[in-house]
């Protein structure tokens, strides 16, 4: 996509250059007042292409934004055996995903999906 942005900026620069030449040529001896309008439209189209090419980059960056959520549990927490509540299959931490701020477990064996809850230690 970076090549597309570069091509768009080069094309816009060419349009702006020729637009300025049209406006400048309108004030020469052989110039026509209509050239000012053509030049202004060409310059505006060039700036519009620059804005669109640079705006597309920010949309792509927003789509690729990653969010990391760190959870700090109280005390020493160690997972010795982590099993599915429905079928009892051995699960790993790869089966836990954060959904709307809550840890959700997806069992690859039985297809169960449930919210992981921590029970009090007392």
PDB file of N, CA and C in Angstrom:
ATOM      1  N   UNK A   1       0.816  -1.197   0.000  1.00  0.00           N
ATOM      2  CA  UNK A   1       0.000   0.000   0.000  1.00  0.00           C
ATOM      3  C   UNK A   1       0.857   1.258   0.000  1.00  0.00           C
ATOM      4  N   UNK A   2       2.102   1.121   0.437  1.00  0.00           N
ATOM      5  CA  UNK A   2       2.977   2.277   0.477  1.00  0.00           C
ATOM      6  C   UNK A   2       3.282   2.747  -0.942  1.00  0.00           C
ATOM      7  N   UNK A   3       3.374   1.818  -1.910  1.00  0.00           N
ATOM      8  CA  UNK A   3       3.619   2.184  -3.301  1.00  0.00           C
ATOM      9  C   UNK A   3       2.429   2.953  -3.868  1.00  0.00           C
ATOM     10  N   UNK A   4       1.218   2.563  -3.477  1.00  0.00           N
ATOM     11  CA  UNK A   4       0.022   3.267  -3.939  1.00  0.00           C
ATOM     12  C   UNK A   4      -0.006   4.696  -3.416  1.00  0.00           C
ATOM     13  N   UNK A   5       0.427   4.884  -2.178  1.00  0.00           N
ATOM     14  CA  UNK A   5       0.487   6.225  -1.605  1.00  0.00           C
ATOM     15  C   UNK A   5       1.511   7.073  -2.351  1.00  0.00           C
ATOM     16  N   UNK A   6       2.660   6.489  -2.664  1.00  0.00           N
ATOM     17  CA  UNK A   6       3.709   7.219  -3.382  1.00  0.00           C
ATOM     18  C   UNK A   6       3.235   7.613  -4.774  1.00  0.00           C
ATOM     19  N   UNK A   7       2.593   6.695  -5.466  1.00  0.00           N
ATOM     20  CA  UNK A   7       2.075   6.997  -6.806  1.00  0.00           C
ATOM     21  C   UNK A   7       1.025   8.104  -6.733  1.00  0.00           C
ATOM     22  N   UNK A   8       0.155   8.044  -5.731  1.00  0.00           N
ATOM     23  CA  UNK A   8      -0.858   9.081  -5.563  1.00  0.00           C
ATOM     24  C   UNK A   8      -0.247  10.442  -5.292  1.00  0.00           C
ATOM     25  N   UNK A   9       0.798  10.488  -4.470  1.00  0.00           N
ATOM     26  CA  UNK A   9       1.447  11.774  -4.179  1.00  0.00           C
ATOM     27  C   UNK A   9       2.168  12.336  -5.400  1.00  0.00           C
ATOM     28  N   UNK A  10       2.796  11.463  -6.186  1.00  0.00           N
ATOM     29  CA  UNK A  10       3.467  11.928  -7.407  1.00  0.00           C
ATOM     30  C   UNK A  10       2.446  12.460  -8.398  1.00  0.00           C
ATOM     31  N   UNK A  11       1.346  11.747  -8.582  1.00  0.00           N
ATOM     32  CA  UNK A  11       0.300  12.198  -9.502  1.00  0.00           C
ATOM     33  C   UNK A  11      -0.294  13.530  -9.035  1.00  0.00           C
ATOM     34  N   UNK A  12      -0.491  13.674  -7.723  1.00  0.00           N
ATOM     35  CA  UNK A  12      -1.025  14.924  -7.185  1.00  0.00           C
ATOM     36  C   UNK A  12      -0.044  16.066  -7.393  1.00  0.00           C
ATOM     37  N   UNK A  13       1.252  15.811  -7.220  1.00  0.00           N
ATOM     38  CA  UNK A  13       2.250  16.858  -7.434  1.00  0.00           C
ATOM     39  C   UNK A  13       2.263  17.312  -8.889  1.00  0.00           C
ATOM     40  N   UNK A  14       2.097  16.368  -9.805  1.00  0.00           N
ATOM     41  CA  UNK A  14       2.040  16.727 -11.230  1.00  0.00           C
ATOM     42  C   UNK A  14       0.812  17.585 -11.510  1.00  0.00           C
ATOM     43  N   UNK A  15      -0.335  17.208 -10.944  1.00  0.00           N
ATOM     44  CA  UNK A  15      -1.551  18.002 -11.142  1.00  0.00           C
ATOM     45  C   UNK A  15      -1.392  19.410 -10.573  1.00  0.00           C
ATOM     46  N   UNK A  16      -0.803  19.518  -9.396  1.00  0.00           N
ATOM     47  CA  UNK A  16      -0.614  20.842  -8.787  1.00  0.00           C
ATOM     48  C   UNK A  16       0.343  21.682  -9.634  1.00  0.00           C
ATOM     49  N   UNK A  17       1.419  21.060 -10.134  1.00  0.00           N
ATOM     50  CA  UNK A  17       2.375  21.777 -10.971  1.00  0.00           C
ATOM     51  C   UNK A  17       1.704  22.336 -12.223  1.00  0.00           C
ATOM     52  N   UNK A  18       0.948  21.492 -12.938  1.00  0.00           N
ATOM     53  CA  UNK A  18       0.286  21.963 -14.148  1.00  0.00           C
ATOM     54  C   UNK A  18      -0.837  22.954 -13.833  1.00  0.00           C
ATOM     55  N   UNK A  19      -1.487  22.799 -12.706  1.00  0.00           N
ATOM     56  CA  UNK A  19      -2.507  23.769 -12.314  1.00  0.00           C
ATOM     57  C   UNK A  19      -1.907  25.146 -12.095  1.00  0.00           C
ATOM     58  N   UNK A  20      -0.749  25.179 -11.443  1.00  0.00           N
ATOM     59  CA  UNK A  20      -0.073  26.464 -11.236  1.00  0.00           C
ATOM     60  C   UNK A  20       0.380  27.044 -12.564  1.00  0.00           C
ATOM     61  N   UNK A  21       0.835  26.196 -13.482  1.00  0.00           N
ATOM     62  CA  UNK A  21       1.216  26.686 -14.815  1.00  0.00           C
ATOM     63  C   UNK A  21       0.021  27.281 -15.554  1.00  0.00           C
ATOM     64  N   UNK A  22      -1.144  26.667 -15.436  1.00  0.00           N
ATOM     65  CA  UNK A  22      -2.340  27.212 -16.075  1.00  0.00           C
ATOM     66  C   UNK A  22      -2.694  28.585 -15.494  1.00  0.00           C
ATOM     67  N   UNK A  23      -2.646  28.710 -14.172  1.00  0.00           N
ATOM     68  CA  UNK A  23      -2.960  30.003 -13.552  1.00  0.00           C
ATOM     69  C   UNK A  23      -1.923  31.041 -13.964  1.00  0.00           C
ATOM     70  N   UNK A  24      -0.683  30.669 -13.971  1.00  0.00           N
ATOM     71  CA  UNK A  24       0.390  31.586 -14.361  1.00  0.00           C
ATOM     72  C   UNK A  24       0.258  31.972 -15.836  1.00  0.00           C
ATOM     73  N   UNK A  25      -0.093  30.990 -16.679  1.00  0.00           N
ATOM     74  CA  UNK A  25      -0.254  31.258 -18.111  1.00  0.00           C
ATOM     75  C   UNK A  25      -1.451  32.145 -18.415  1.00  0.00           C
ATOM     76  N   UNK A  26      -2.416  32.192 -17.536  1.00  0.00           N
ATOM     77  CA  UNK A  26      -3.595  33.031 -17.770  1.00  0.00           C
ATOM     78  C   UNK A  26      -3.230  34.510 -17.763  1.00  0.00           C
ATOM     79  N   UNK A  27      -2.133  34.864 -17.119  1.00  0.00           N
ATOM     80  CA  UNK A  27      -1.723  36.262 -17.053  1.00  0.00           C
ATOM     81  C   UNK A  27      -0.709  36.636 -18.123  1.00  0.00           C
ATOM     82  N   UNK A  28      -0.416  35.729 -19.060  1.00  0.00           N
ATOM     83  CA  UNK A  28       0.494  36.039 -20.159  1.00  0.00           C
ATOM     84  C   UNK A  28      -0.265  36.763 -21.267  1.00  0.00           C
ATOM     85  N   UNK A  29       0.467  37.144 -22.312  1.00  0.00           N
ATOM     86  CA  UNK A  29      -0.162  37.873 -23.427  1.00  0.00           C
ATOM     87  C   UNK A  29      -1.196  37.027 -24.152  1.00  0.00           C
ATOM     88  N   UNK A  30      -0.905  35.769 -24.330  1.00  0.00           N
ATOM     89  CA  UNK A  30      -1.810  34.878 -25.065  1.00  0.00           C
ATOM     90  C   UNK A  30      -2.745  34.114 -24.136  1.00  0.00           C
ATOM     91  N   UNK A  31      -2.762  34.418 -22.866  1.00  0.00           N
ATOM     92  CA  UNK A  31      -3.557  33.692 -21.890  1.00  0.00           C
ATOM     93  C   UNK A  31      -5.040  33.984 -21.994  1.00  0.00           C
ATOM     94  N   UNK A  32      -5.808  33.086 -21.422  1.00  0.00           N
ATOM     95  CA  UNK A  32      -7.261  33.207 -21.411  1.00  0.00           C
ATOM     96  C   UNK A  32      -7.735  33.205 -19.957  1.00  0.00           C
ATOM     97  N   UNK A  33      -8.775  33.988 -19.637  1.00  0.00           N
ATOM     98  CA  UNK A  33      -9.270  33.989 -18.255  1.00  0.00           C
ATOM     99  C   UNK A  33      -9.812  32.618 -17.811  1.00  0.00           C
ATOM    100  N   UNK A  34     -10.198  31.775 -18.733  1.00  0.00           N
ATOM    101  CA  UNK A  34     -10.695  30.435 -18.404  1.00  0.00           C
ATOM    102  C   UNK A  34      -9.603  29.529 -17.855  1.00  0.00           C
ATOM    103  N   UNK A  35      -8.360  29.865 -18.156  1.00  0.00           N
ATOM    104  CA  UNK A  35      -7.241  29.065 -17.667  1.00  0.00           C
ATOM    105  C   UNK A  35      -7.110  29.161 -16.144  1.00  0.00           C
ATOM    106  N   UNK A  36      -7.542  30.273 -15.578  1.00  0.00           N
ATOM    107  CA  UNK A  36      -7.491  30.416 -14.115  1.00  0.00           C
ATOM    108  C   UNK A  36      -8.405  29.374 -13.463  1.00  0.00           C
ATOM    109  N   UNK A  37      -9.599  29.197 -14.029  1.00  0.00           N
ATOM    110  CA  UNK A  37     -10.559  28.224 -13.486  1.00  0.00           C
ATOM    111  C   UNK A  37     -10.010  26.808 -13.640  1.00  0.00           C
ATOM    112  N   UNK A  38      -9.461  26.507 -14.835  1.00  0.00           N
ATOM    113  CA  UNK A  38      -8.897  25.177 -15.069  1.00  0.00           C
ATOM    114  C   UNK A  38      -7.736  24.920 -14.112  1.00  0.00           C
ATOM    115  N   UNK A  39      -6.880  25.910 -13.939  1.00  0.00           N
ATOM    116  CA  UNK A  39      -5.739  25.766 -13.043  1.00  0.00           C
ATOM    117  C   UNK A  39      -6.169  25.580 -11.598  1.00  0.00           C
ATOM    118  N   UNK A  40      -7.164  26.353 -11.154  1.00  0.00           N
ATOM    119  CA  UNK A  40      -7.634  26.243  -9.773  1.00  0.00           C
ATOM    120  C   UNK A  40      -8.253  24.869  -9.520  1.00  0.00           C
ATOM    121  N   UNK A  41      -9.045  24.375 -10.465  1.00  0.00           N
ATOM    122  CA  UNK A  41      -9.661  23.055 -10.312  1.00  0.00           C
ATOM    123  C   UNK A  41      -8.592  21.967 -10.269  1.00  0.00           C
ATOM    124  N   UNK A  42      -7.575  22.089 -11.135  1.00  0.00           N
ATOM    125  CA  UNK A  42      -6.500  21.101 -11.163  1.00  0.00           C
ATOM    126  C   UNK A  42      -5.715  21.093  -9.850  1.00  0.00           C
ATOM    127  N   UNK A  43      -5.433  22.275  -9.307  1.00  0.00           N
ATOM    128  CA  UNK A  43      -4.722  22.363  -8.028  1.00  0.00           C
ATOM    129  C   UNK A  43      -5.579  21.763  -6.911  1.00  0.00           C
ATOM    130  N   UNK A  44      -6.863  22.039  -6.889  1.00  0.00           N
ATOM    131  CA  UNK A  44      -7.739  21.487  -5.855  1.00  0.00           C
ATOM    132  C   UNK A  44      -7.822  19.965  -5.945  1.00  0.00           C
ATOM    133  N   UNK A  45      -7.889  19.437  -7.151  1.00  0.00           N
ATOM    134  CA  UNK A  45      -7.908  17.981  -7.315  1.00  0.00           C
ATOM    135  C   UNK A  45      -6.598  17.377  -6.813  1.00  0.00           C
ATOM    136  N   UNK A  46      -5.481  18.029  -7.100  1.00  0.00           N
ATOM    137  CA  UNK A  46      -4.183  17.550  -6.619  1.00  0.00           C
ATOM    138  C   UNK A  46      -4.117  17.503  -5.105  1.00  0.00           C
ATOM    139  N   UNK A  47      -4.575  18.573  -4.441  1.00  0.00           N
ATOM    140  CA  UNK A  47      -4.572  18.576  -2.980  1.00  0.00           C
ATOM    141  C   UNK A  47      -5.559  17.542  -2.421  1.00  0.00           C
ATOM    142  N   UNK A  48      -6.663  17.329  -3.098  1.00  0.00           N
ATOM    143  CA  UNK A  48      -7.619  16.309  -2.673  1.00  0.00           C
ATOM    144  C   UNK A  48      -7.015  14.910  -2.735  1.00  0.00           C
ATOM    145  N   UNK A  49      -6.242  14.634  -3.779  1.00  0.00           N
ATOM    146  CA  UNK A  49      -5.588  13.328  -3.900  1.00  0.00           C
ATOM    147  C   UNK A  49      -4.557  13.151  -2.791  1.00  0.00           C
ATOM    148  N   UNK A  50      -3.819  14.219  -2.464  1.00  0.00           N
ATOM    149  CA  UNK A  50      -2.847  14.134  -1.366  1.00  0.00           C
ATOM    150  C   UNK A  50      -3.555  13.825  -0.050  1.00  0.00           C
ATOM    151  N   UNK A  51      -4.668  14.490   0.199  1.00  0.00           N
ATOM    152  CA  UNK A  51      -5.407  14.239   1.442  1.00  0.00           C
ATOM    153  C   UNK A  51      -5.925  12.806   1.509  1.00  0.00           C
ATOM    154  N   UNK A  52      -6.445  12.299   0.406  1.00  0.00           N
ATOM    155  CA  UNK A  52      -6.958  10.928   0.389  1.00  0.00           C
ATOM    156  C   UNK A  52      -5.841   9.906   0.556  1.00  0.00           C
ATOM    157  N   UNK A  53      -4.696  10.149  -0.086  1.00  0.00           N
ATOM    158  CA  UNK A  53      -3.583   9.197   0.022  1.00  0.00           C
ATOM    159  C   UNK A  53      -3.054   9.151   1.445  1.00  0.00           C
ATOM    160  N   UNK A  54      -2.967  10.286   2.113  1.00  0.00           N
ATOM    161  CA  UNK A  54      -2.447  10.311   3.474  1.00  0.00           C
ATOM    162  C   UNK A  54      -3.492   9.859   4.487  1.00  0.00           C
ATOM    163  N   UNK A  55      -4.756  10.078   4.219  1.00  0.00           N
ATOM    164  CA  UNK A  55      -5.824   9.645   5.120  1.00  0.00           C
ATOM    165  C   UNK A  55      -5.934   8.131   5.147  1.00  0.00           C
ATOM    166  N   UNK A  56      -5.735   7.491   4.028  1.00  0.00           N
ATOM    167  CA  UNK A  56      -5.821   6.035   3.957  1.00  0.00           C
ATOM    168  C   UNK A  56      -4.806   5.381   4.875  1.00  0.00           C
ATOM    169  N   UNK A  57      -3.657   5.981   5.054  1.00  0.00           N
ATOM    170  CA  UNK A  57      -2.643   5.441   5.938  1.00  0.00           C
ATOM    171  C   UNK A  57      -3.139   5.423   7.379  1.00  0.00           C
ATOM    172  N   UNK A  58      -3.806   6.472   7.807  1.00  0.00           N
ATOM    173  CA  UNK A  58      -4.280   6.514   9.183  1.00  0.00           C
ATOM    174  C   UNK A  58      -5.390   5.495   9.415  1.00  0.00           C
ATOM    175  N   UNK A  59      -6.205   5.212   8.426  1.00  0.00           N
ATOM    176  CA  UNK A  59      -7.252   4.197   8.562  1.00  0.00           C
ATOM    177  C   UNK A  59      -6.614   2.820   8.715  1.00  0.00           C
ATOM    178  N   UNK A  60      -5.565   2.540   7.938  1.00  0.00           N
ATOM    179  CA  UNK A  60      -4.887   1.250   8.041  1.00  0.00           C
ATOM    180  C   UNK A  60      -4.196   1.109   9.389  1.00  0.00           C
ATOM    181  N   UNK A  61      -3.589   2.186   9.879  1.00  0.00           N
ATOM    182  CA  UNK A  61      -2.935   2.131  11.180  1.00  0.00           C
ATOM    183  C   UNK A  61      -3.948   1.880  12.283  1.00  0.00           C
ATOM    184  N   UNK A  62      -5.120   2.483  12.185  1.00  0.00           N
ATOM    185  CA  UNK A  62      -6.149   2.276  13.199  1.00  0.00           C
ATOM    186  C   UNK A  62      -6.648   0.834  13.183  1.00  0.00           C
ATOM    187  N   UNK A  63      -6.724   0.219  12.009  1.00  0.00           N
ATOM    188  CA  UNK A  63      -7.182  -1.161  11.919  1.00  0.00           C
ATOM    189  C   UNK A  63      -6.151  -2.129  12.485  1.00  0.00           C
ATOM    190  N   UNK A  64      -4.864  -1.752  12.455  1.00  0.00           N
ATOM    191  CA  UNK A  64      -3.813  -2.641  12.923  1.00  0.00           C
ATOM    192  C   UNK A  64      -3.413  -2.380  14.368  1.00  0.00           C
ATOM    193  N   UNK A  65      -4.126  -1.560  15.064  1.00  0.00           N
ATOM    194  CA  UNK A  65      -3.786  -1.226  16.439  1.00  0.00           C
ATOM    195  C   UNK A  65      -4.027  -2.428  17.344  1.00  0.00           C
ATOM    196  N   UNK A  66      -3.048  -2.753  18.156  1.00  0.00           N
ATOM    197  CA  UNK A  66      -3.152  -3.871  19.090  1.00  0.00           C
ATOM    198  C   UNK A  66      -3.306  -3.330  20.499  1.00  0.00           C
ATOM    199  N   UNK A  67      -4.097  -4.007  21.295  1.00  0.00           N
ATOM    200  CA  UNK A  67      -4.287  -3.636  22.688  1.00  0.00           C
ATOM    201  C   UNK A  67      -3.806  -4.786  23.558  1.00  0.00           C
ATOM    202  N   UNK A  68      -2.964  -4.467  24.530  1.00  0.00           N
ATOM    203  CA  UNK A  68      -2.462  -5.477  25.456  1.00  0.00           C
ATOM    204  C   UNK A  68      -3.080  -5.222  26.815  1.00  0.00           C
ATOM    205  N   UNK A  69      -3.649  -6.253  27.383  1.00  0.00           N
ATOM    206  CA  UNK A  69      -4.273  -6.153  28.691  1.00  0.00           C
ATOM    207  C   UNK A  69      -3.511  -7.050  29.649  1.00  0.00           C
ATOM    208  N   UNK A  70      -2.925  -6.446  30.669  1.00  0.00           N
ATOM    209  CA  UNK A  70      -2.197  -7.195  31.685  1.00  0.00           C
ATOM    210  C   UNK A  70      -3.086  -7.344  32.908  1.00  0.00           C
ATOM    211  N   UNK A  71      -3.179  -8.567  33.404  1.00  0.00           N
ATOM    212  CA  UNK A  71      -3.991  -8.852  34.578  1.00  0.00           C
ATOM    213  C   UNK A  71      -3.057  -9.226  35.714  1.00  0.00           C
ATOM    214  N   UNK A  72      -3.203  -8.530  36.822  1.00  0.00           N
ATOM    215  CA  UNK A  72      -2.407  -8.856  38.000  1.00  0.00           C
ATOM    216  C   UNK A  72      -3.335  -9.454  39.046  1.00  0.00           C
ATOM    217  N   UNK A  73      -3.095 -10.707  39.369  1.00  0.00           N
ATOM    218  CA  UNK A  73      -3.921 -11.391  40.344  1.00  0.00           C
ATOM    219  C   UNK A  73      -3.280 -11.270  41.721  1.00  0.00           C
ATOM    220  N   UNK A  74      -4.095 -11.208  42.765  1.00  0.00           N
ATOM    221  CA  UNK A  74      -3.531 -11.087  44.111  1.00  0.00           C
ATOM    222  C   UNK A  74      -2.866 -12.390  44.552  1.00  0.00           C
ATOM    223  N   UNK A  75      -1.734 -12.274  45.211  1.00  0.00           N
ATOM    224  CA  UNK A  75      -1.059 -13.442  45.762  1.00  0.00           C
ATOM    225  C   UNK A  75      -0.369 -14.267  44.699  1.00  0.00           C
ATOM    226  N   UNK A  76       0.102 -15.416  45.115  1.00  0.00           N
ATOM    227  CA  UNK A  76       0.764 -16.337  44.201  1.00  0.00           C
ATOM    228  C   UNK A  76      -0.285 -17.175  43.492  1.00  0.00           C
ATOM    229  N   UNK A  77      -0.307 -17.093  42.199  1.00  0.00           N
ATOM    230  CA  UNK A  77      -1.268 -17.852  41.415  1.00  0.00           C
ATOM    231  C   UNK A  77      -0.493 -18.769  40.489  1.00  0.00           C
ATOM    232  N   UNK A  78      -0.780 -20.021  40.561  1.00  0.00           N
ATOM    233  CA  UNK A  78      -0.159 -20.972  39.641  1.00  0.00           C
ATOM    234  C   UNK A  78      -1.249 -21.916  39.145  1.00  0.00           C
ATOM    235  N   UNK A  79      -1.170 -22.182  37.892  1.00  0.00           N
ATOM    236  CA  UNK A  79      -2.159 -23.076  37.294  1.00  0.00           C
ATOM    237  C   UNK A  79      -1.504 -24.441  37.149  1.00  0.00           C
ATOM    238  N   UNK A  80      -1.910 -25.362  38.008  1.00  0.00           N
ATOM    239  CA  UNK A  80      -1.364 -26.709  37.929  1.00  0.00           C
ATOM    240  C   UNK A  80      -2.155 -27.531  36.913  1.00  0.00           C
ATOM    241  N   UNK A  81      -3.450 -27.513  37.070  1.00  0.00           N
ATOM    242  CA  UNK A  81      -4.317 -28.229  36.148  1.00  0.00           C
ATOM    243  C   UNK A  81      -5.454 -27.305  35.760  1.00  0.00           C
ATOM    244  N   UNK A  82      -5.608 -27.125  34.474  1.00  0.00           N
ATOM    245  CA  UNK A  82      -6.646 -26.242  33.964  1.00  0.00           C
ATOM    246  C   UNK A  82      -7.535 -27.089  33.075  1.00  0.00           C
ATOM    247  N   UNK A  83      -8.780 -27.322  33.531  1.00  0.00           N
ATOM    248  CA  UNK A  83      -9.670 -28.231  32.823  1.00  0.00           C
ATOM    249  C   UNK A  83     -10.947 -27.511  32.406  1.00  0.00           C
ATOM    250  N   UNK A  84     -11.560 -28.041  31.349  1.00  0.00           N
ATOM    251  CA  UNK A  84     -12.849 -27.539  30.884  1.00  0.00           C
ATOM    252  C   UNK A  84     -13.917 -27.893  31.918  1.00  0.00           C
ATOM    253  N   UNK A  85     -14.802 -26.944  32.185  1.00  0.00           N
ATOM    254  CA  UNK A  85     -15.879 -27.195  33.152  1.00  0.00           C
ATOM    255  C   UNK A  85     -16.895 -28.208  32.633  1.00  0.00           C
ATOM    256  N   UNK A  86     -17.052 -28.279  31.309  1.00  0.00           N
ATOM    257  CA  UNK A  86     -18.071 -29.167  30.739  1.00  0.00           C
ATOM    258  C   UNK A  86     -17.563 -30.591  30.516  1.00  0.00           C
ATOM    259  N   UNK A  87     -16.429 -30.736  29.812  1.00  0.00           N
ATOM    260  CA  UNK A  87     -15.982 -32.076  29.444  1.00  0.00           C
ATOM    261  C   UNK A  87     -14.763 -32.547  30.237  1.00  0.00           C
ATOM    262  N   UNK A  88     -14.096 -31.659  30.963  1.00  0.00           N
ATOM    263  CA  UNK A  88     -12.953 -32.040  31.786  1.00  0.00           C
ATOM    264  C   UNK A  88     -11.651 -32.189  31.022  1.00  0.00           C
ATOM    265  N   UNK A  89     -11.601 -31.751  29.771  1.00  0.00           N
ATOM    266  CA  UNK A  89     -10.386 -31.857  28.962  1.00  0.00           C
ATOM    267  C   UNK A  89      -9.315 -30.907  29.478  1.00  0.00           C
ATOM    268  N   UNK A  90      -8.067 -31.296  29.306  1.00  0.00           N
ATOM    269  CA  UNK A  90      -6.940 -30.473  29.734  1.00  0.00           C
ATOM    270  C   UNK A  90      -6.819 -29.296  28.766  1.00  0.00           C
ATOM    271  N   UNK A  91      -6.795 -28.072  29.304  1.00  0.00           N
ATOM    272  CA  UNK A  91      -6.716 -26.865  28.497  1.00  0.00           C
ATOM    273  C   UNK A  91      -5.414 -26.135  28.781  1.00  0.00           C
ATOM    274  N   UNK A  92      -5.039 -25.252  27.880  1.00  0.00           N
ATOM    275  CA  UNK A  92      -3.858 -24.407  28.078  1.00  0.00           C
ATOM    276  C   UNK A  92      -4.300 -22.948  28.079  1.00  0.00           C
ATOM    277  N   UNK A  93      -3.358 -22.071  28.371  1.00  0.00           N
ATOM    278  CA  UNK A  93      -3.681 -20.643  28.410  1.00  0.00           C
ATOM    279  C   UNK A  93      -3.982 -20.100  27.015  1.00  0.00           C
ATOM    280  N   UNK A  94      -3.643 -20.829  25.965  1.00  0.00           N
ATOM    281  CA  UNK A  94      -3.980 -20.415  24.606  1.00  0.00           C
ATOM    282  C   UNK A  94      -5.483 -20.462  24.365  1.00  0.00           C
ATOM    283  N   UNK A  95      -6.204 -21.221  25.190  1.00  0.00           N
ATOM    284  CA  UNK A  95      -7.654 -21.339  25.047  1.00  0.00           C
ATOM    285  C   UNK A  95      -8.397 -20.221  25.766  1.00  0.00           C
ATOM    286  N   UNK A  96      -7.681 -19.313  26.430  1.00  0.00           N
ATOM    287  CA  UNK A  96      -8.314 -18.206  27.158  1.00  0.00           C
ATOM    288  C   UNK A  96      -8.132 -16.934  26.348  1.00  0.00           C
ATOM    289  N   UNK A  97      -9.222 -16.233  26.081  1.00  0.00           N
ATOM    290  CA  UNK A  97      -9.210 -14.973  25.344  1.00  0.00           C
ATOM    291  C   UNK A  97      -9.935 -13.922  26.174  1.00  0.00           C
ATOM    292  N   UNK A  98      -9.494 -12.669  26.041  1.00  0.00           N
ATOM    293  CA  UNK A  98     -10.164 -11.554  26.729  1.00  0.00           C
ATOM    294  C   UNK A  98     -11.265 -11.014  25.824  1.00  0.00           C
ATOM    295  N   UNK A  99     -12.492 -11.028  26.301  1.00  0.00           N
ATOM    296  CA  UNK A  99     -13.636 -10.513  25.561  1.00  0.00           C
ATOM    297  C   UNK A  99     -14.334  -9.509  26.462  1.00  0.00           C
ATOM    298  N   UNK A 100     -14.358  -8.268  26.048  1.00  0.00           N
ATOM    299  CA  UNK A 100     -15.002  -7.176  26.788  1.00  0.00           C
ATOM    300  C   UNK A 100     -14.489  -7.103  28.222  1.00  0.00           C
ATOM    301  N   UNK A 101     -13.198  -7.339  28.399  1.00  0.00           N
ATOM    302  CA  UNK A 101     -12.586  -7.213  29.715  1.00  0.00           C
ATOM    303  C   UNK A 101     -12.739  -8.425  30.606  1.00  0.00           C
ATOM    304  N   UNK A 102     -13.355  -9.489  30.135  1.00  0.00           N
ATOM    305  CA  UNK A 102     -13.552 -10.692  30.945  1.00  0.00           C
ATOM    306  C   UNK A 102     -12.840 -11.862  30.274  1.00  0.00           C
ATOM    307  N   UNK A 103     -12.162 -12.713  31.050  1.00  0.00           N
ATOM    308  CA  UNK A 103     -11.501 -13.876  30.447  1.00  0.00           C
ATOM    309  C   UNK A 103     -12.525 -14.936  30.041  1.00  0.00           C
ATOM    310  N   UNK A 104     -12.495 -15.293  28.775  1.00  0.00           N
ATOM    311  CA  UNK A 104     -13.417 -16.295  28.233  1.00  0.00           C
ATOM    312  C   UNK A 104     -12.615 -17.525  27.814  1.00  0.00           C
ATOM    313  N   UNK A 105     -13.151 -18.707  28.128  1.00  0.00           N
ATOM    314  CA  UNK A 105     -12.510 -19.974  27.795  1.00  0.00           C
ATOM    315  C   UNK A 105     -13.267 -20.597  26.629  1.00  0.00           C
ATOM    316  N   UNK A 106     -12.527 -21.021  25.607  1.00  0.00           N
ATOM    317  CA  UNK A 106     -13.093 -21.757  24.476  1.00  0.00           C
ATOM    318  C   UNK A 106     -12.462 -23.140  24.457  1.00  0.00           C
ATOM    319  N   UNK A 107     -13.255 -24.151  24.692  1.00  0.00           N
ATOM    320  CA  UNK A 107     -12.749 -25.528  24.709  1.00  0.00           C
ATOM    321  C   UNK A 107     -12.700 -26.047  23.269  1.00  0.00           C
ATOM    322  N   UNK A 108     -11.516 -26.456  22.796  1.00  0.00           N
ATOM    323  CA  UNK A 108     -11.431 -26.968  21.424  1.00  0.00           C
ATOM    324  C   UNK A 108     -11.981 -28.393  21.287  1.00  0.00           C
ATOM    325  N   UNK A 109     -12.219 -29.066  22.401  1.00  0.00           N
ATOM    326  CA  UNK A 109     -12.682 -30.457  22.354  1.00  0.00           C
ATOM    327  C   UNK A 109     -14.203 -30.556  22.288  1.00  0.00           C
ATOM    328  N   UNK A 110     -14.895 -29.853  23.197  1.00  0.00           N
ATOM    329  CA  UNK A 110     -16.360 -29.965  23.213  1.00  0.00           C
ATOM    330  C   UNK A 110     -17.042 -28.715  22.659  1.00  0.00           C
ATOM    331  N   UNK A 111     -16.278 -27.642  22.420  1.00  0.00           N
ATOM    332  CA  UNK A 111     -16.853 -26.426  21.860  1.00  0.00           C
ATOM    333  C   UNK A 111     -17.502 -25.526  22.886  1.00  0.00           C
ATOM    334  N   UNK A 112     -17.344 -25.823  24.167  1.00  0.00           N
ATOM    335  CA  UNK A 112     -17.953 -25.001  25.220  1.00  0.00           C
ATOM    336  C   UNK A 112     -17.242 -23.653  25.294  1.00  0.00           C
ATOM    337  N   UNK A 113     -18.017 -22.626  25.566  1.00  0.00           N
ATOM    338  CA  UNK A 113     -17.477 -21.276  25.759  1.00  0.00           C
ATOM    339  C   UNK A 113     -18.106 -20.717  27.024  1.00  0.00           C
ATOM    340  N   UNK A 114     -17.252 -20.339  27.966  1.00  0.00           N
ATOM    341  CA  UNK A 114     -17.772 -19.812  29.228  1.00  0.00           C
ATOM    342  C   UNK A 114     -16.771 -18.814  29.792  1.00  0.00           C
ATOM    343  N   UNK A 115     -17.269 -17.996  30.723  1.00  0.00           N
ATOM    344  CA  UNK A 115     -16.429 -16.985  31.361  1.00  0.00           C
ATOM    345  C   UNK A 115     -15.674 -17.615  32.519  1.00  0.00           C
ATOM    346  N   UNK A 116     -14.387 -17.332  32.581  1.00  0.00           N
ATOM    347  CA  UNK A 116     -13.555 -17.851  33.643  1.00  0.00           C
ATOM    348  C   UNK A 116     -13.801 -17.014  34.897  1.00  0.00           C
ATOM    349  N   UNK A 117     -14.086 -17.680  35.998  1.00  0.00           N
ATOM    350  CA  UNK A 117     -14.336 -16.960  37.242  1.00  0.00           C
ATOM    351  C   UNK A 117     -13.397 -17.467  38.316  1.00  0.00           C
ATOM    352  N   UNK A 118     -12.944 -16.541  39.151  1.00  0.00           N
ATOM    353  CA  UNK A 118     -12.062 -16.913  40.240  1.00  0.00           C
ATOM    354  C   UNK A 118     -12.882 -16.982  41.506  1.00  0.00           C
ATOM    355  N   UNK A 119     -12.817 -18.120  42.142  1.00  0.00           N
ATOM    356  CA  UNK A 119     -13.557 -18.301  43.374  1.00  0.00           C
ATOM    357  C   UNK A 119     -12.709 -17.825  44.547  1.00  0.00           C
ATOM    358  N   UNK A 120     -13.331 -17.302  45.588  1.00  0.00           N
ATOM    359  CA  UNK A 120     -12.565 -16.834  46.747  1.00  0.00           C
ATOM    360  C   UNK A 120     -11.790 -17.968  47.396  1.00  0.00           C
ATOM    361  N   UNK A 121     -10.648 -17.632  48.009  1.00  0.00           N
ATOM    362  CA  UNK A 121      -9.782 -18.622  48.626  1.00  0.00           C
ATOM    363  C   UNK A 121     -10.239 -19.013  50.033  1.00  0.00           C
ATOM    364  N   UNK A 122     -11.148 -18.286  50.655  1.00  0.00           N
ATOM    365  CA  UNK A 122     -11.536 -18.572  52.042  1.00  0.00           C
ATOM    366  C   UNK A 122     -12.609 -19.587  52.160  1.00  0.00           C
TER     367      UNK A 122
END
